[in-house]
């Protein structure tokens, strides 16, 4: 497998004095998980593989490595943990020093923005690649802004239409960011300011309200209420998703369905093996987890998935779901088709898929009573429903 071309430097070396905790901010608990682990899970929820570099306080590097192992679970992903410096800029520089040779896009992200959705990382990466420039997420300023003098008297009202509140991850072409850091002669408040001072353009894309920074006790309480609301019934912590996949028969192809090979049956046309059951399950799980759909995650332009079997997509989807902080409750699938006859292998499919997902899977089948393309025997439709819950 080729090395990642994107890197995410996760800055977790700050003291967090305004939070008032007895440990650095990234190691503070939020409803059972540290801020650092929650930030890692967001990064690991991205569709694109990335080199992940965690920059931690030197005295807590071993603890950071333990947290990384907990966040990764059984996933075989390499994460670098390096010691940070006295300033944020020094910490980012420590992360830049261990970039992989193939990396051409670098994202710098504050671990304190631990609830940032994976989709925001993907938006920034795509914008950097499209523009070849620095890209930062930002939110429109909602409050009226006043400029005051040193005595606190209002001097004027600032036009907020040209203002944005900047967030992370901030993304840059590798060469641009490395050169900016090499030439820096002062500390800047963020990487975009440093890059702009170096003479490179920086553009803004839409941010996300969930990418707020945990800085004060109030912010910490807000984060806790979002991930584990004490007053909410337990049912609200469960999420459902639906996936539908349709494939036409291809007499020249072998049939793979439900992760199993069906000798003597016509296959299904598609970029991969056409396994409608597996694909519908993936879509249902991604939908329930808020991670998009199978087309966006494993598109037909990606050569590594050409002719891939359904279990390849299922295994990758399970990693994405768990990386986003969810566990799978169960999955139910209904196949609509004249053939193959599912009854003889229903139990075999259920056992196979249950083992792949680590959660119960049930399969049922019906026909379309001669109606539509499935009724005419031209192909199959699979409909899946998935239930996921926030991981304990």
Protein backbone atom coordinates (compact mmCIF):
# COMPACT_ATOMS: atom_id res chain seq x y z
CA UNK A 1 0.00 0.00 0.00
CA UNK A 2 1.33 3.47 -0.89
CA UNK A 3 2.29 5.91 1.85
CA UNK A 4 -0.18 8.70 2.77
CA UNK A 5 0.16 11.99 0.91
CA UNK A 6 -1.64 13.93 3.65
CA UNK A 7 -0.45 14.52 7.21
CA UNK A 8 -2.34 15.86 10.22
CA UNK A 9 -0.29 17.46 12.99
CA UNK A 10 -2.42 17.26 16.13
CA UNK A 11 -1.16 19.88 18.57
CA UNK A 12 -1.74 18.72 22.15
CA UNK A 13 1.18 20.31 23.99
CA UNK A 14 -0.55 23.35 25.49
CA UNK A 15 -0.95 23.84 29.24
CA UNK A 16 -4.56 25.02 29.10
CA UNK A 17 -4.26 27.32 32.12
CA UNK A 18 -7.62 28.99 31.40
CA UNK A 19 -9.35 25.63 31.79
CA UNK A 20 -8.17 25.44 35.38
CA UNK A 21 -7.45 21.69 35.29
CA UNK A 22 -4.60 19.98 37.12
CA UNK A 23 -3.34 18.37 33.87
CA UNK A 24 -2.62 19.85 30.42
CA UNK A 25 -5.83 20.46 28.48
CA UNK A 26 -5.51 17.62 25.97
CA UNK A 27 -5.46 15.12 28.84
CA UNK A 28 -8.66 16.37 30.48
CA UNK A 29 -11.61 13.96 30.47
CA UNK A 30 -14.75 14.67 28.45
CA UNK A 31 -17.48 12.17 29.34
CA UNK A 32 -15.13 9.20 29.66
CA UNK A 33 -12.56 10.04 26.98
CA UNK A 34 -9.72 12.53 27.00
CA UNK A 35 -9.83 15.56 24.73
CA UNK A 36 -6.86 14.09 22.86
CA UNK A 37 -8.58 10.75 22.22
CA UNK A 38 -11.72 12.43 20.94
CA UNK A 39 -9.62 14.60 18.61
CA UNK A 40 -7.80 11.51 17.35
CA UNK A 41 -11.07 9.73 16.63
CA UNK A 42 -12.17 12.67 14.49
CA UNK A 43 -8.95 12.52 12.48
CA UNK A 44 -9.20 8.74 12.08
CA UNK A 45 -12.75 9.15 10.75
CA UNK A 46 -11.45 10.72 7.52
CA UNK A 47 -11.87 8.74 4.33
CA UNK A 48 -8.36 9.53 3.11
CA UNK A 49 -5.50 7.81 4.95
CA UNK A 50 -3.19 10.29 6.63
CA UNK A 51 0.04 10.34 8.57
CA UNK A 52 -1.01 11.41 12.06
CA UNK A 53 1.50 13.24 14.24
CA UNK A 54 0.58 13.95 17.87
CA UNK A 55 2.62 16.69 19.54
CA UNK A 56 2.42 16.25 23.33
CA UNK A 57 4.15 17.76 26.36
CA UNK A 58 7.51 16.05 26.77
CA UNK A 59 6.66 14.88 30.29
CA UNK A 60 3.41 13.27 29.09
CA UNK A 61 4.65 11.66 25.91
CA UNK A 62 4.21 8.13 27.31
CA UNK A 63 0.64 8.94 28.38
CA UNK A 64 -0.07 10.36 24.93
CA UNK A 65 1.16 7.10 23.37
CA UNK A 66 -1.20 5.15 25.65
CA UNK A 67 -4.12 7.34 24.56
CA UNK A 68 -3.18 6.83 20.92
CA UNK A 69 -3.25 3.04 21.36
CA UNK A 70 -6.70 3.28 22.97
CA UNK A 71 -8.04 5.41 20.11
CA UNK A 72 -6.63 3.09 17.44
CA UNK A 73 -8.01 -0.10 18.95
CA UNK A 74 -7.21 -2.92 16.53
CA UNK A 75 -6.60 -0.62 13.55
CA UNK A 76 -3.11 -1.02 12.08
CA UNK A 77 -2.34 2.69 11.64
CA UNK A 78 1.02 4.25 12.50
CA UNK A 79 0.80 7.41 14.61
CA UNK A 80 3.89 9.44 15.50
CA UNK A 81 4.01 10.94 19.00
CA UNK A 82 6.62 13.68 19.43
CA UNK A 83 7.50 16.09 22.22
CA UNK A 84 6.35 19.68 21.80
CA UNK A 85 8.13 22.92 22.58
CA UNK A 86 7.53 25.94 24.79
CA UNK A 87 5.28 27.62 22.21
CA UNK A 88 2.68 26.40 19.77
CA UNK A 89 4.93 27.36 16.88
CA UNK A 90 7.78 25.25 18.28
CA UNK A 91 5.37 22.34 18.73
CA UNK A 92 4.19 22.49 15.12
CA UNK A 93 7.81 22.66 13.98
CA UNK A 94 8.47 19.44 15.91
CA UNK A 95 5.64 17.81 13.98
CA UNK A 96 6.92 19.08 10.64
CA UNK A 97 10.29 17.49 11.37
CA UNK A 98 8.85 13.95 11.13
CA UNK A 99 6.71 14.29 7.99
CA UNK A 100 6.77 11.28 5.67
CA UNK A 101 8.54 11.63 2.33
CA UNK A 102 5.30 11.28 0.30
CA UNK A 103 3.31 13.92 2.19
CA UNK A 104 2.38 16.95 0.08
CA UNK A 105 -0.52 18.41 2.10
CA UNK A 106 -0.23 19.20 5.81
CA UNK A 107 -3.09 19.97 8.18
CA UNK A 108 -2.42 21.53 11.58
CA UNK A 109 -5.19 20.95 14.11
CA UNK A 110 -5.69 21.91 17.74
CA UNK A 111 -6.56 18.87 19.86
CA UNK A 112 -8.71 21.24 21.92
CA UNK A 113 -11.15 21.33 18.97
CA UNK A 114 -11.85 17.69 19.73
CA UNK A 115 -15.41 17.45 18.35
CA UNK A 116 -14.46 18.63 14.84
CA UNK A 117 -16.28 16.42 12.29
CA UNK A 118 -14.11 14.36 9.89
CA UNK A 119 -15.88 16.08 6.99
CA UNK A 120 -14.21 19.40 7.86
CA UNK A 121 -10.76 17.82 7.52
CA UNK A 122 -11.77 16.43 4.14
CA UNK A 123 -13.12 19.80 2.98
CA UNK A 124 -9.84 21.54 3.86
CA UNK A 125 -7.72 18.84 2.17
CA UNK A 126 -9.76 19.08 -1.04
CA UNK A 127 -9.55 22.88 -1.04
CA UNK A 128 -5.76 22.84 -0.56
CA UNK A 129 -5.33 20.42 -3.45
CA UNK A 130 -7.65 22.46 -5.68
CA UNK A 131 -6.09 25.84 -4.90
CA UNK A 132 -2.46 25.02 -4.16
CA UNK A 133 -2.66 27.57 -1.35
CA UNK A 134 -3.33 27.75 2.35
CA UNK A 135 -6.91 27.01 3.44
CA UNK A 136 -8.54 27.68 6.81
CA UNK A 137 -12.10 27.08 8.05
CA UNK A 138 -14.01 30.01 9.46
CA UNK A 139 -17.45 30.98 10.75
CA UNK A 140 -19.22 34.25 10.09
CA UNK A 141 -19.17 36.60 13.08
CA UNK A 142 -22.66 36.88 14.53
CA UNK A 143 -22.09 39.51 17.24
CA UNK A 144 -21.68 43.22 16.67
CA UNK A 145 -17.98 44.08 16.98
CA UNK A 146 -16.75 47.28 18.65
CA UNK A 147 -13.27 48.75 18.56
CA UNK A 148 -12.29 50.30 21.89
CA UNK A 149 -9.41 52.37 23.20
CA UNK A 150 -7.16 51.55 26.15
CA UNK A 151 -9.70 53.06 28.56
CA UNK A 152 -12.50 50.81 27.30
CA UNK A 153 -14.35 53.55 25.44
CA UNK A 154 -15.93 52.63 22.12
CA UNK A 155 -14.13 54.19 19.16
CA UNK A 156 -16.18 52.68 16.33
CA UNK A 157 -18.33 49.76 15.20
CA UNK A 158 -16.44 47.36 12.96
CA UNK A 159 -18.09 46.03 9.79
CA UNK A 160 -18.55 42.36 10.65
CA UNK A 161 -19.45 41.34 7.09
CA UNK A 162 -15.75 41.08 6.29
CA UNK A 163 -14.87 39.16 9.47
CA UNK A 164 -14.70 35.44 10.22
CA UNK A 165 -13.88 33.49 13.38
CA UNK A 166 -11.05 31.16 12.37
CA UNK A 167 -10.88 27.48 13.33
CA UNK A 168 -8.65 24.49 12.66
CA UNK A 169 -7.70 22.26 10.87
CA UNK A 170 -5.68 24.70 8.78
CA UNK A 171 -4.25 23.15 5.63
CA UNK A 172 -1.26 24.00 3.45
CA UNK A 173 0.89 22.58 0.68
CA UNK A 174 3.85 21.01 2.45
CA UNK A 175 6.47 23.15 0.75
CA UNK A 176 4.66 26.36 1.62
CA UNK A 177 4.30 25.53 5.31
CA UNK A 178 7.84 24.21 5.74
CA UNK A 179 9.31 27.28 4.03
CA UNK A 180 7.19 29.64 6.14
CA UNK A 181 8.35 27.98 9.34
CA UNK A 182 11.99 28.05 8.21
CA UNK A 183 11.82 31.81 7.65
CA UNK A 184 9.71 32.77 10.70
CA UNK A 185 11.32 35.45 12.86
CA UNK A 186 8.51 35.87 15.40
CA UNK A 187 5.62 33.95 16.95
CA UNK A 188 2.22 34.12 15.25
CA UNK A 189 -1.21 33.33 16.68
CA UNK A 190 -1.89 30.65 14.06
CA UNK A 191 -0.29 28.97 11.08
CA UNK A 192 -2.32 30.98 8.57
CA UNK A 193 -0.81 34.23 9.90
CA UNK A 194 2.69 32.76 9.62
CA UNK A 195 2.09 31.58 6.05
CA UNK A 196 0.51 34.90 5.04
CA UNK A 197 3.53 36.76 6.47
CA UNK A 198 5.69 34.56 4.25
CA UNK A 199 3.77 35.91 1.24
CA UNK A 200 1.49 32.98 0.39
CA UNK A 201 -2.25 33.38 -0.14
CA UNK A 202 -4.67 31.89 2.39
CA UNK A 203 -8.36 31.35 1.65
CA UNK A 204 -11.32 30.59 3.92
CA UNK A 205 -13.84 27.76 3.62
CA UNK A 206 -16.96 27.24 5.71
CA UNK A 207 -16.16 26.06 9.22
CA UNK A 208 -18.31 23.96 11.54
CA UNK A 209 -19.86 24.96 14.88
CA UNK A 210 -18.69 21.64 16.37
CA UNK A 211 -15.08 22.69 15.76
CA UNK A 212 -15.20 25.04 18.76
CA UNK A 213 -12.15 25.21 20.99
CA UNK A 214 -12.32 23.90 24.55
CA UNK A 215 -10.63 26.74 26.43
CA UNK A 216 -12.69 27.51 29.53
CA UNK A 217 -14.72 25.43 32.00
CA UNK A 218 -17.83 26.62 30.14
CA UNK A 219 -16.48 25.16 26.88
CA UNK A 220 -15.70 21.88 28.65
CA UNK A 221 -19.25 21.67 30.00
CA UNK A 222 -20.60 22.36 26.51
CA UNK A 223 -18.50 19.55 25.04
CA UNK A 224 -19.65 17.14 27.75
CA UNK A 225 -23.29 18.01 27.10
CA UNK A 226 -22.84 17.30 23.38
CA UNK A 227 -21.21 13.88 23.70
CA UNK A 228 -23.05 12.58 26.77
CA UNK A 229 -26.07 14.70 27.75
CA UNK A 230 -26.94 13.66 31.31
CA UNK A 231 -30.53 14.83 31.04
CA UNK A 232 -31.22 13.08 27.75
CA UNK A 233 -32.72 9.60 27.61
CA UNK A 234 -30.31 6.85 26.59
CA UNK A 235 -32.21 6.27 23.35
CA UNK A 236 -31.02 9.63 22.02
CA UNK A 237 -27.45 8.30 22.01
CA UNK A 238 -28.40 5.74 19.33
CA UNK A 239 -28.39 6.59 15.61
CA UNK A 240 -29.90 4.80 12.64
CA UNK A 241 -28.96 4.75 8.97
CA UNK A 242 -30.38 3.30 5.76
CA UNK A 243 -28.47 2.04 2.73
CA UNK A 244 -29.80 0.92 -0.65
CA UNK A 245 -27.78 -0.68 -3.44
CA UNK A 246 -28.90 -1.81 -6.89
CA UNK A 247 -26.97 -3.92 -9.41
CA UNK A 248 -27.85 -5.47 -12.76
CA UNK A 249 -26.94 -9.07 -13.56
CA UNK A 250 -23.81 -9.74 -15.62
CA UNK A 251 -23.82 -13.26 -17.04
CA UNK A 252 -20.05 -13.15 -17.60
CA UNK A 253 -19.16 -12.34 -14.00
CA UNK A 254 -19.09 -14.58 -10.90
CA UNK A 255 -21.69 -13.85 -8.24
CA UNK A 256 -20.55 -12.50 -4.90
CA UNK A 257 -23.37 -11.66 -2.52
CA UNK A 258 -23.33 -11.19 1.22
CA UNK A 259 -19.58 -11.71 1.14
CA UNK A 260 -19.99 -15.23 -0.26
CA UNK A 261 -19.30 -16.78 -3.66
CA UNK A 262 -22.35 -18.32 -5.43
CA UNK A 263 -21.21 -20.86 -8.05
CA UNK A 264 -23.50 -21.38 -11.02
CA UNK A 265 -25.28 -18.03 -10.60
CA UNK A 266 -24.95 -14.96 -12.85
CA UNK A 267 -22.83 -12.22 -11.29
CA UNK A 268 -23.58 -8.56 -10.69
CA UNK A 269 -22.18 -5.71 -12.76
CA UNK A 270 -20.12 -3.06 -11.01
CA UNK A 271 -16.75 -1.39 -10.45
CA UNK A 272 -16.05 -3.90 -7.68
CA UNK A 273 -17.66 -7.33 -7.32
CA UNK A 274 -21.18 -5.85 -7.31
CA UNK A 275 -22.04 -7.29 -3.87
CA UNK A 276 -25.28 -5.38 -3.32
CA UNK A 277 -25.76 -6.68 0.24
CA UNK A 278 -22.27 -5.66 1.37
CA UNK A 279 -22.56 -2.27 -0.29
CA UNK A 280 -25.97 -1.54 1.23
CA UNK A 281 -24.62 -2.44 4.69
CA UNK A 282 -21.70 -0.05 4.20
CA UNK A 283 -24.04 2.77 3.18
CA UNK A 284 -26.30 2.14 6.18
CA UNK A 285 -23.37 2.21 8.62
CA UNK A 286 -21.85 5.33 7.07
CA UNK A 287 -25.23 7.05 7.09
CA UNK A 288 -25.84 6.22 10.76
CA UNK A 289 -22.40 7.53 11.71
CA UNK A 290 -22.69 10.74 9.71
CA UNK A 291 -19.77 9.71 7.48
CA UNK A 292 -21.32 10.14 4.04
CA UNK A 293 -21.82 7.24 1.66
CA UNK A 294 -19.90 4.45 -0.05
CA UNK A 295 -19.50 6.43 -3.27
CA UNK A 296 -17.84 9.31 -1.45
CA UNK A 297 -15.66 7.04 0.68
CA UNK A 298 -14.65 4.43 -1.89
CA UNK A 299 -15.28 6.05 -5.26
CA UNK A 300 -15.05 4.31 -8.62
CA UNK A 301 -12.02 6.46 -9.48
CA UNK A 302 -10.00 4.73 -6.74
CA UNK A 303 -8.08 1.90 -8.43
CA UNK A 304 -7.45 0.03 -5.16
CA UNK A 305 -11.16 -0.84 -4.95
CA UNK A 306 -11.53 -2.03 -8.54
CA UNK A 307 -12.86 -5.64 -8.46
CA UNK A 308 -12.56 -5.62 -4.65
CA UNK A 309 -14.80 -8.01 -2.72
CA UNK A 310 -17.51 -6.77 -0.38
CA UNK A 311 -15.61 -7.67 2.77
CA UNK A 312 -12.89 -5.15 1.79
CA UNK A 313 -15.47 -2.35 1.92
CA UNK A 314 -17.08 -3.74 5.08
CA UNK A 315 -13.77 -3.93 6.95
CA UNK A 316 -12.81 -0.39 5.92
CA UNK A 317 -16.27 0.90 6.88
CA UNK A 318 -16.09 -0.68 10.34
CA UNK A 319 -12.75 1.09 10.90
CA UNK A 320 -14.28 4.42 9.84
CA UNK A 321 -17.32 3.97 12.09
CA UNK A 322 -15.24 3.05 15.13
CA UNK A 323 -12.73 5.78 14.34
CA UNK A 324 -15.58 8.29 14.51
CA UNK A 325 -16.44 7.09 18.03
CA UNK A 326 -19.31 4.70 17.32
CA UNK A 327 -19.98 1.03 17.97
CA UNK A 328 -22.30 -1.03 15.77
CA UNK A 329 -25.50 -2.23 17.43
CA UNK A 330 -26.96 -4.39 14.67
CA UNK A 331 -27.70 -4.46 10.94
CA UNK A 332 -30.76 -5.81 9.10
CA UNK A 333 -30.80 -6.39 5.32
CA UNK A 334 -33.57 -7.27 2.91
CA UNK A 335 -32.74 -8.52 -0.58
CA UNK A 336 -35.30 -7.96 -3.35
CA UNK A 337 -34.58 -10.40 -6.19
CA UNK A 338 -35.86 -13.44 -8.10
CA UNK A 339 -32.46 -15.11 -7.77
CA UNK A 340 -30.37 -16.39 -6.15
CA UNK A 341 -32.56 -18.21 -3.65
CA UNK A 342 -31.32 -16.92 -0.32
CA UNK A 343 -32.96 -19.35 2.09
CA UNK A 344 -30.35 -22.13 1.77
CA UNK A 345 -27.45 -19.79 2.63
CA UNK A 346 -29.15 -17.22 4.86
CA UNK A 347 -27.55 -18.48 8.08
CA UNK A 348 -24.14 -18.70 6.39
CA UNK A 349 -24.36 -15.06 5.27
CA UNK A 350 -25.48 -13.92 8.70
CA UNK A 351 -22.60 -15.68 10.44
CA UNK A 352 -20.08 -14.34 7.93
CA UNK A 353 -21.26 -10.72 8.10
CA UNK A 354 -21.67 -10.81 11.88
CA UNK A 355 -18.02 -11.86 12.18
CA UNK A 356 -16.88 -9.06 9.85
CA UNK A 357 -18.88 -6.33 11.62
CA UNK A 358 -18.53 -7.59 15.17
CA UNK A 359 -22.28 -7.09 15.60
CA UNK A 360 -25.46 -9.06 14.81
CA UNK A 361 -26.59 -9.10 11.17
CA UNK A 362 -29.94 -10.47 9.99
CA UNK A 363 -30.88 -11.16 6.37
CA UNK A 364 -34.27 -11.54 4.72
CA UNK A 365 -35.40 -11.78 1.11
CA UNK A 366 -38.46 -11.14 -1.02
CA UNK A 367 -39.46 -10.74 -4.66
CA UNK A 368 -41.14 -7.85 -6.47
CA UNK A 369 -44.04 -9.97 -7.76
CA UNK A 370 -42.95 -9.48 -11.36
CA UNK A 371 -42.83 -5.68 -11.07
CA UNK A 372 -39.91 -3.50 -12.10
CA UNK A 373 -36.41 -4.58 -13.09
CA UNK A 374 -36.03 -6.96 -10.13
CA UNK A 375 -39.38 -8.53 -10.95
CA UNK A 376 -38.24 -9.04 -14.53
CA UNK A 377 -35.08 -10.75 -13.25
CA UNK A 378 -32.70 -8.05 -14.52
CA UNK A 379 -30.90 -7.49 -11.23
CA UNK A 380 -31.16 -7.17 -7.46
CA UNK A 381 -31.85 -4.51 -4.83
CA UNK A 382 -30.59 -4.63 -1.26
CA UNK A 383 -31.92 -2.42 1.53
CA UNK A 384 -30.01 -2.26 4.83
CA UNK A 385 -30.78 -0.59 8.14
CA UNK A 386 -28.02 -0.05 10.71
CA UNK A 387 -28.04 0.95 14.36
CA UNK A 388 -24.95 2.51 15.93
CA UNK A 389 -24.27 4.01 19.34
CA UNK A 390 -21.60 6.24 20.83
CA UNK A 391 -18.73 4.04 21.96
CA UNK A 392 -18.49 3.57 25.75
